[in-house]
C-alpha cells in the first residue's frame, strides 16, 4: 500500500526504528485502515534513503493523547 493513501488522522505512534547504516527509518503505528473502520490496526511506514533525521518527542504528551490518537494529518 502506498503510504500517501493511508488515513493517518487519529493514528497512534508506537515507535520508531532507525538504522543508520542502512539509512532507513520505520514508524510503527496503529491506524484506521479506512474512514469507516472502528478499530485501529498495526501498520509500519518504511522510509529508505534517509539523509537526515531530527526528532523531538514529548513522551508525556504522546501518552496523554494516545486514546484519541496522537497523529494529525
PDB file of N, CA and C in Angstrom:
ATOM      1  N   UNK A   1       0.840  -1.175   0.000  1.00  0.00           N
ATOM      2  CA  UNK A   1       0.000   0.000   0.000  1.00  0.00           C
ATOM      3  C   UNK A   1       0.886   1.239   0.000  1.00  0.00           C
ATOM      4  N   UNK A   2       0.497   2.217  -0.739  1.00  0.00           N
ATOM      5  CA  UNK A   2       1.220   3.475  -0.816  1.00  0.00           C
ATOM      6  C   UNK A   2       0.949   4.286   0.453  1.00  0.00           C
ATOM      7  N   UNK A   3       1.995   4.687   1.195  1.00  0.00           N
ATOM      8  CA  UNK A   3       1.784   5.457   2.425  1.00  0.00           C
ATOM      9  C   UNK A   3       1.004   6.753   2.195  1.00  0.00           C
ATOM     10  N   UNK A   4       1.076   7.299   1.002  1.00  0.00           N
ATOM     11  CA  UNK A   4       0.341   8.534   0.726  1.00  0.00           C
ATOM     12  C   UNK A   4      -1.164   8.307   0.744  1.00  0.00           C
ATOM     13  N   UNK A   5      -1.604   7.062   0.624  1.00  0.00           N
ATOM     14  CA  UNK A   5      -3.030   6.743   0.630  1.00  0.00           C
ATOM     15  C   UNK A   5      -3.545   6.350   2.012  1.00  0.00           C
ATOM     16  N   UNK A   6      -2.669   6.312   3.001  1.00  0.00           N
ATOM     17  CA  UNK A   6      -3.095   5.923   4.344  1.00  0.00           C
ATOM     18  C   UNK A   6      -3.846   7.053   5.022  1.00  0.00           C
ATOM     19  N   UNK A   7      -4.833   6.682   5.791  1.00  0.00           N
ATOM     20  CA  UNK A   7      -5.562   7.634   6.624  1.00  0.00           C
ATOM     21  C   UNK A   7      -4.836   7.694   7.970  1.00  0.00           C
ATOM     22  N   UNK A   8      -4.055   8.741   8.186  1.00  0.00           N
ATOM     23  CA  UNK A   8      -3.242   8.820   9.401  1.00  0.00           C
ATOM     24  C   UNK A   8      -3.867   9.664  10.502  1.00  0.00           C
ATOM     25  N   UNK A   9      -4.954  10.358  10.187  1.00  0.00           N
ATOM     26  CA  UNK A   9      -5.606  11.165  11.215  1.00  0.00           C
ATOM     27  C   UNK A   9      -6.083  10.248  12.337  1.00  0.00           C
ATOM     28  N   UNK A  10      -5.771  10.596  13.557  1.00  0.00           N
ATOM     29  CA  UNK A  10      -6.115   9.825  14.761  1.00  0.00           C
ATOM     30  C   UNK A  10      -5.349   8.514  14.885  1.00  0.00           C
ATOM     31  N   UNK A  11      -4.281   8.345  14.129  1.00  0.00           N
ATOM     32  CA  UNK A  11      -3.409   7.183  14.314  1.00  0.00           C
ATOM     33  C   UNK A  11      -2.618   7.370  15.610  1.00  0.00           C
ATOM     34  N   UNK A  12      -2.004   6.303  16.078  1.00  0.00           N
ATOM     35  CA  UNK A  12      -1.162   6.382  17.269  1.00  0.00           C
ATOM     36  C   UNK A  12       0.248   5.911  16.925  1.00  0.00           C
ATOM     37  N   UNK A  13       1.221   6.640  17.422  1.00  0.00           N
ATOM     38  CA  UNK A  13       2.628   6.271  17.225  1.00  0.00           C
ATOM     39  C   UNK A  13       3.037   5.324  18.337  1.00  0.00           C
ATOM     40  N   UNK A  14       3.650   4.207  17.954  1.00  0.00           N
ATOM     41  CA  UNK A  14       4.133   3.255  18.951  1.00  0.00           C
ATOM     42  C   UNK A  14       5.648   3.204  18.999  1.00  0.00           C
ATOM     43  N   UNK A  15       6.303   3.576  17.926  1.00  0.00           N
ATOM     44  CA  UNK A  15       7.751   3.541  17.955  1.00  0.00           C
ATOM     45  C   UNK A  15       8.374   3.943  16.640  1.00  0.00           C
ATOM     46  N   UNK A  16       9.671   4.113  16.698  1.00  0.00           N
ATOM     47  CA  UNK A  16      10.438   4.465  15.512  1.00  0.00           C
ATOM     48  C   UNK A  16      11.726   3.649  15.565  1.00  0.00           C
ATOM     49  N   UNK A  17      12.027   2.984  14.466  1.00  0.00           N
ATOM     50  CA  UNK A  17      13.250   2.188  14.373  1.00  0.00           C
ATOM     51  C   UNK A  17      14.162   2.877  13.370  1.00  0.00           C
ATOM     52  N   UNK A  18      15.342   3.233  13.819  1.00  0.00           N
ATOM     53  CA  UNK A  18      16.309   3.920  12.966  1.00  0.00           C
ATOM     54  C   UNK A  18      17.494   2.996  12.738  1.00  0.00           C
ATOM     55  N   UNK A  19      17.850   2.802  11.474  1.00  0.00           N
ATOM     56  CA  UNK A  19      19.034   2.027  11.124  1.00  0.00           C
ATOM     57  C   UNK A  19      19.954   2.960  10.348  1.00  0.00           C
ATOM     58  N   UNK A  20      20.968   3.446  11.020  1.00  0.00           N
ATOM     59  CA  UNK A  20      21.858   4.435  10.414  1.00  0.00           C
ATOM     60  C   UNK A  20      22.667   3.863   9.261  1.00  0.00           C
ATOM     61  N   UNK A  21      23.147   2.632   9.401  1.00  0.00           N
ATOM     62  CA  UNK A  21      23.986   2.067   8.340  1.00  0.00           C
ATOM     63  C   UNK A  21      23.184   1.788   7.070  1.00  0.00           C
ATOM     64  N   UNK A  22      21.902   1.452   7.219  1.00  0.00           N
ATOM     65  CA  UNK A  22      21.071   1.200   6.043  1.00  0.00           C
ATOM     66  C   UNK A  22      20.300   2.442   5.587  1.00  0.00           C
ATOM     67  N   UNK A  23      20.402   3.512   6.393  1.00  0.00           N
ATOM     68  CA  UNK A  23      19.696   4.774   6.098  1.00  0.00           C
ATOM     69  C   UNK A  23      18.190   4.562   5.986  1.00  0.00           C
ATOM     70  N   UNK A  24      17.633   3.836   6.959  1.00  0.00           N
ATOM     71  CA  UNK A  24      16.198   3.586   6.959  1.00  0.00           C
ATOM     72  C   UNK A  24      15.577   4.036   8.282  1.00  0.00           C
ATOM     73  N   UNK A  25      14.311   4.385   8.201  1.00  0.00           N
ATOM     74  CA  UNK A  25      13.509   4.706   9.380  1.00  0.00           C
ATOM     75  C   UNK A  25      12.172   3.996   9.213  1.00  0.00           C
ATOM     76  N   UNK A  26      11.743   3.320  10.264  1.00  0.00           N
ATOM     77  CA  UNK A  26      10.447   2.648  10.254  1.00  0.00           C
ATOM     78  C   UNK A  26       9.606   3.252  11.373  1.00  0.00           C
ATOM     79  N   UNK A  27       8.426   3.755  11.022  1.00  0.00           N
ATOM     80  CA  UNK A  27       7.474   4.222  12.012  1.00  0.00           C
ATOM     81  C   UNK A  27       6.492   3.098  12.288  1.00  0.00           C
ATOM     82  N   UNK A  28       6.328   2.744  13.548  1.00  0.00           N
ATOM     83  CA  UNK A  28       5.352   1.731  13.955  1.00  0.00           C
ATOM     84  C   UNK A  28       4.131   2.457  14.487  1.00  0.00           C
ATOM     85  N   UNK A  29       2.990   2.178  13.879  1.00  0.00           N
ATOM     86  CA  UNK A  29       1.759   2.895  14.178  1.00  0.00           C
ATOM     87  C   UNK A  29       0.596   1.942  14.350  1.00  0.00           C
ATOM     88  N   UNK A  30      -0.494   2.474  14.833  1.00  0.00           N
ATOM     89  CA  UNK A  30      -1.801   1.835  14.699  1.00  0.00           C
ATOM     90  C   UNK A  30      -2.665   2.851  13.979  1.00  0.00           C
ATOM     91  N   UNK A  31      -3.326   2.402  12.914  1.00  0.00           N
ATOM     92  CA  UNK A  31      -4.086   3.300  12.049  1.00  0.00           C
ATOM     93  C   UNK A  31      -5.493   2.752  11.829  1.00  0.00           C
ATOM     94  N   UNK A  32      -6.380   3.623  11.395  1.00  0.00           N
ATOM     95  CA  UNK A  32      -7.671   3.183  10.891  1.00  0.00           C
ATOM     96  C   UNK A  32      -7.449   2.862   9.424  1.00  0.00           C
ATOM     97  N   UNK A  33      -7.726   1.622   9.029  1.00  0.00           N
ATOM     98  CA  UNK A  33      -7.439   1.177   7.661  1.00  0.00           C
ATOM     99  C   UNK A  33      -8.251   1.954   6.626  1.00  0.00           C
ATOM    100  N   UNK A  34      -9.441   2.413   7.014  1.00  0.00           N
ATOM    101  CA  UNK A  34     -10.241   3.243   6.120  1.00  0.00           C
ATOM    102  C   UNK A  34     -11.136   4.138   6.980  1.00  0.00           C
ATOM    103  N   UNK A  35     -11.849   5.031   6.331  1.00  0.00           N
ATOM    104  CA  UNK A  35     -12.651   6.014   7.064  1.00  0.00           C
ATOM    105  C   UNK A  35     -13.778   5.385   7.877  1.00  0.00           C
ATOM    106  N   UNK A  36     -14.227   4.189   7.517  1.00  0.00           N
ATOM    107  CA  UNK A  36     -15.331   3.532   8.216  1.00  0.00           C
ATOM    108  C   UNK A  36     -14.872   2.548   9.291  1.00  0.00           C
ATOM    109  N   UNK A  37     -13.576   2.358   9.434  1.00  0.00           N
ATOM    110  CA  UNK A  37     -13.044   1.382  10.387  1.00  0.00           C
ATOM    111  C   UNK A  37     -13.371   1.790  11.823  1.00  0.00           C
ATOM    112  N   UNK A  38     -13.668   0.811  12.646  1.00  0.00           N
ATOM    113  CA  UNK A  38     -13.992   1.049  14.060  1.00  0.00           C
ATOM    114  C   UNK A  38     -12.797   0.820  14.981  1.00  0.00           C
ATOM    115  N   UNK A  39     -11.808   0.043  14.508  1.00  0.00           N
ATOM    116  CA  UNK A  39     -10.629  -0.270  15.313  1.00  0.00           C
ATOM    117  C   UNK A  39      -9.372   0.050  14.518  1.00  0.00           C
ATOM    118  N   UNK A  40      -8.349   0.428  15.234  1.00  0.00           N
ATOM    119  CA  UNK A  40      -7.048   0.641  14.602  1.00  0.00           C
ATOM    120  C   UNK A  40      -6.368  -0.711  14.379  1.00  0.00           C
ATOM    121  N   UNK A  41      -5.521  -0.757  13.355  1.00  0.00           N
ATOM    122  CA  UNK A  41      -4.727  -1.949  13.065  1.00  0.00           C
ATOM    123  C   UNK A  41      -3.257  -1.550  13.015  1.00  0.00           C
ATOM    124  N   UNK A  42      -2.388  -2.505  13.277  1.00  0.00           N
ATOM    125  CA  UNK A  42      -0.944  -2.248  13.251  1.00  0.00           C
ATOM    126  C   UNK A  42      -0.490  -1.946  11.823  1.00  0.00           C
ATOM    127  N   UNK A  43       0.436  -1.007  11.711  1.00  0.00           N
ATOM    128  CA  UNK A  43       0.994  -0.646  10.402  1.00  0.00           C
ATOM    129  C   UNK A  43       2.416  -0.143  10.602  1.00  0.00           C
ATOM    130  N   UNK A  44       3.192  -0.264   9.563  1.00  0.00           N
ATOM    131  CA  UNK A  44       4.550   0.286   9.557  1.00  0.00           C
ATOM    132  C   UNK A  44       4.724   1.088   8.289  1.00  0.00           C
ATOM    133  N   UNK A  45       5.373   2.225   8.418  1.00  0.00           N
ATOM    134  CA  UNK A  45       5.759   3.022   7.252  1.00  0.00           C
ATOM    135  C   UNK A  45       7.276   3.019   7.221  1.00  0.00           C
ATOM    136  N   UNK A  46       7.836   2.553   6.113  1.00  0.00           N
ATOM    137  CA  UNK A  46       9.292   2.454   5.974  1.00  0.00           C
ATOM    138  C   UNK A  46       9.800   3.537   5.032  1.00  0.00           C
ATOM    139  N   UNK A  47      10.806   4.240   5.485  1.00  0.00           N
ATOM    140  CA  UNK A  47      11.476   5.248   4.685  1.00  0.00           C
ATOM    141  C   UNK A  47      12.880   4.747   4.382  1.00  0.00           C
ATOM    142  N   UNK A  48      13.296   4.822   3.140  1.00  0.00           N
ATOM    143  CA  UNK A  48      14.650   4.394   2.773  1.00  0.00           C
ATOM    144  C   UNK A  48      15.371   5.557   2.115  1.00  0.00           C
ATOM    145  N   UNK A  49      16.693   5.471   2.105  1.00  0.00           N
ATOM    146  CA  UNK A  49      17.495   6.537   1.540  1.00  0.00           C
ATOM    147  C   UNK A  49      17.450   7.809   2.372  1.00  0.00           C
ATOM    148  N   UNK A  50      17.234   7.655   3.675  1.00  0.00           N
ATOM    149  CA  UNK A  50      17.126   8.806   4.574  1.00  0.00           C
ATOM    150  C   UNK A  50      18.495   9.466   4.696  1.00  0.00           C
ATOM    151  N   UNK A  51      18.511  10.774   4.521  1.00  0.00           N
ATOM    152  CA  UNK A  51      19.766  11.525   4.626  1.00  0.00           C
ATOM    153  C   UNK A  51      19.909  12.247   5.954  1.00  0.00           C
ATOM    154  N   UNK A  52      18.787  12.673   6.525  1.00  0.00           N
ATOM    155  CA  UNK A  52      18.825  13.393   7.800  1.00  0.00           C
ATOM    156  C   UNK A  52      17.589  13.028   8.609  1.00  0.00           C
ATOM    157  N   UNK A  53      17.749  13.041   9.926  1.00  0.00           N
ATOM    158  CA  UNK A  53      16.626  12.789  10.813  1.00  0.00           C
ATOM    159  C   UNK A  53      16.763  13.693  12.023  1.00  0.00           C
ATOM    160  N   UNK A  54      15.719  14.396  12.316  1.00  0.00           N
ATOM    161  CA  UNK A  54      15.670  15.227  13.508  1.00  0.00           C
ATOM    162  C   UNK A  54      14.394  14.875  14.245  1.00  0.00           C
ATOM    163  N   UNK A  55      14.486  14.637  15.544  1.00  0.00           N
ATOM    164  CA  UNK A  55      13.309  14.224  16.299  1.00  0.00           C
ATOM    165  C   UNK A  55      13.318  14.880  17.668  1.00  0.00           C
ATOM    166  N   UNK A  56      12.216  15.499  17.992  1.00  0.00           N
ATOM    167  CA  UNK A  56      11.975  15.988  19.339  1.00  0.00           C
ATOM    168  C   UNK A  56      10.639  15.408  19.747  1.00  0.00           C
ATOM    169  N   UNK A  57      10.625  14.582  20.770  1.00  0.00           N
ATOM    170  CA  UNK A  57       9.401  13.892  21.171  1.00  0.00           C
ATOM    171  C   UNK A  57       9.058  14.223  22.610  1.00  0.00           C
ATOM    172  N   UNK A  58       7.804  14.550  22.837  1.00  0.00           N
ATOM    173  CA  UNK A  58       7.292  14.768  24.185  1.00  0.00           C
ATOM    174  C   UNK A  58       6.552  13.496  24.580  1.00  0.00           C
ATOM    175  N   UNK A  59       7.241  12.607  25.266  1.00  0.00           N
ATOM    176  CA  UNK A  59       6.685  11.300  25.596  1.00  0.00           C
ATOM    177  C   UNK A  59       5.413  11.414  26.428  1.00  0.00           C
ATOM    178  N   UNK A  60       5.372  12.363  27.339  1.00  0.00           N
ATOM    179  CA  UNK A  60       4.180  12.555  28.160  1.00  0.00           C
ATOM    180  C   UNK A  60       2.978  12.962  27.319  1.00  0.00           C
ATOM    181  N   UNK A  61       3.178  13.885  26.417  1.00  0.00           N
ATOM    182  CA  UNK A  61       2.094  14.336  25.538  1.00  0.00           C
ATOM    183  C   UNK A  61       1.629  13.219  24.614  1.00  0.00           C
ATOM    184  N   UNK A  62       2.571  12.454  24.081  1.00  0.00           N
ATOM    185  CA  UNK A  62       2.203  11.325  23.229  1.00  0.00           C
ATOM    186  C   UNK A  62       1.352  10.319  24.008  1.00  0.00           C
ATOM    187  N   UNK A  63       1.736  10.045  25.248  1.00  0.00           N
ATOM    188  CA  UNK A  63       0.979   9.106  26.076  1.00  0.00           C
ATOM    189  C   UNK A  63      -0.396   9.664  26.423  1.00  0.00           C
ATOM    190  N   UNK A  64      -0.456  10.941  26.772  1.00  0.00           N
ATOM    191  CA  UNK A  64      -1.727  11.568  27.146  1.00  0.00           C
ATOM    192  C   UNK A  64      -2.738  11.554  26.007  1.00  0.00           C
ATOM    193  N   UNK A  65      -2.273  11.616  24.771  1.00  0.00           N
ATOM    194  CA  UNK A  65      -3.161  11.709  23.619  1.00  0.00           C
ATOM    195  C   UNK A  65      -3.316  10.401  22.856  1.00  0.00           C
ATOM    196  N   UNK A  66      -2.788   9.313  23.407  1.00  0.00           N
ATOM    197  CA  UNK A  66      -2.819   8.026  22.704  1.00  0.00           C
ATOM    198  C   UNK A  66      -4.247   7.540  22.448  1.00  0.00           C
ATOM    199  N   UNK A  67      -5.144   7.670  23.397  1.00  0.00           N
ATOM    200  CA  UNK A  67      -6.502   7.158  23.221  1.00  0.00           C
ATOM    201  C   UNK A  67      -7.211   7.809  22.040  1.00  0.00           C
ATOM    202  N   UNK A  68      -7.132   9.118  21.941  1.00  0.00           N
ATOM    203  CA  UNK A  68      -7.799   9.841  20.852  1.00  0.00           C
ATOM    204  C   UNK A  68      -7.002   9.754  19.560  1.00  0.00           C
ATOM    205  N   UNK A  69      -5.726   9.448  19.675  1.00  0.00           N
ATOM    206  CA  UNK A  69      -4.834   9.435  18.513  1.00  0.00           C
ATOM    207  C   UNK A  69      -3.841  10.568  18.640  1.00  0.00           C
ATOM    208  N   UNK A  70      -2.573  10.245  18.553  1.00  0.00           N
ATOM    209  CA  UNK A  70      -1.556  11.278  18.713  1.00  0.00           C
ATOM    210  C   UNK A  70      -0.889  11.659  17.392  1.00  0.00           C
ATOM    211  N   UNK A  71      -1.549  11.337  16.280  1.00  0.00           N
ATOM    212  CA  UNK A  71      -1.085  11.759  14.959  1.00  0.00           C
ATOM    213  C   UNK A  71      -2.185  12.606  14.336  1.00  0.00           C
ATOM    214  N   UNK A  72      -1.811  13.728  13.786  1.00  0.00           N
ATOM    215  CA  UNK A  72      -2.727  14.509  12.968  1.00  0.00           C
ATOM    216  C   UNK A  72      -2.142  14.537  11.577  1.00  0.00           C
ATOM    217  N   UNK A  73      -2.968  14.806  10.599  1.00  0.00           N
ATOM    218  CA  UNK A  73      -2.527  14.754   9.207  1.00  0.00           C
ATOM    219  C   UNK A  73      -1.084  15.156   9.060  1.00  0.00           C
TER     220      UNK A  73
END
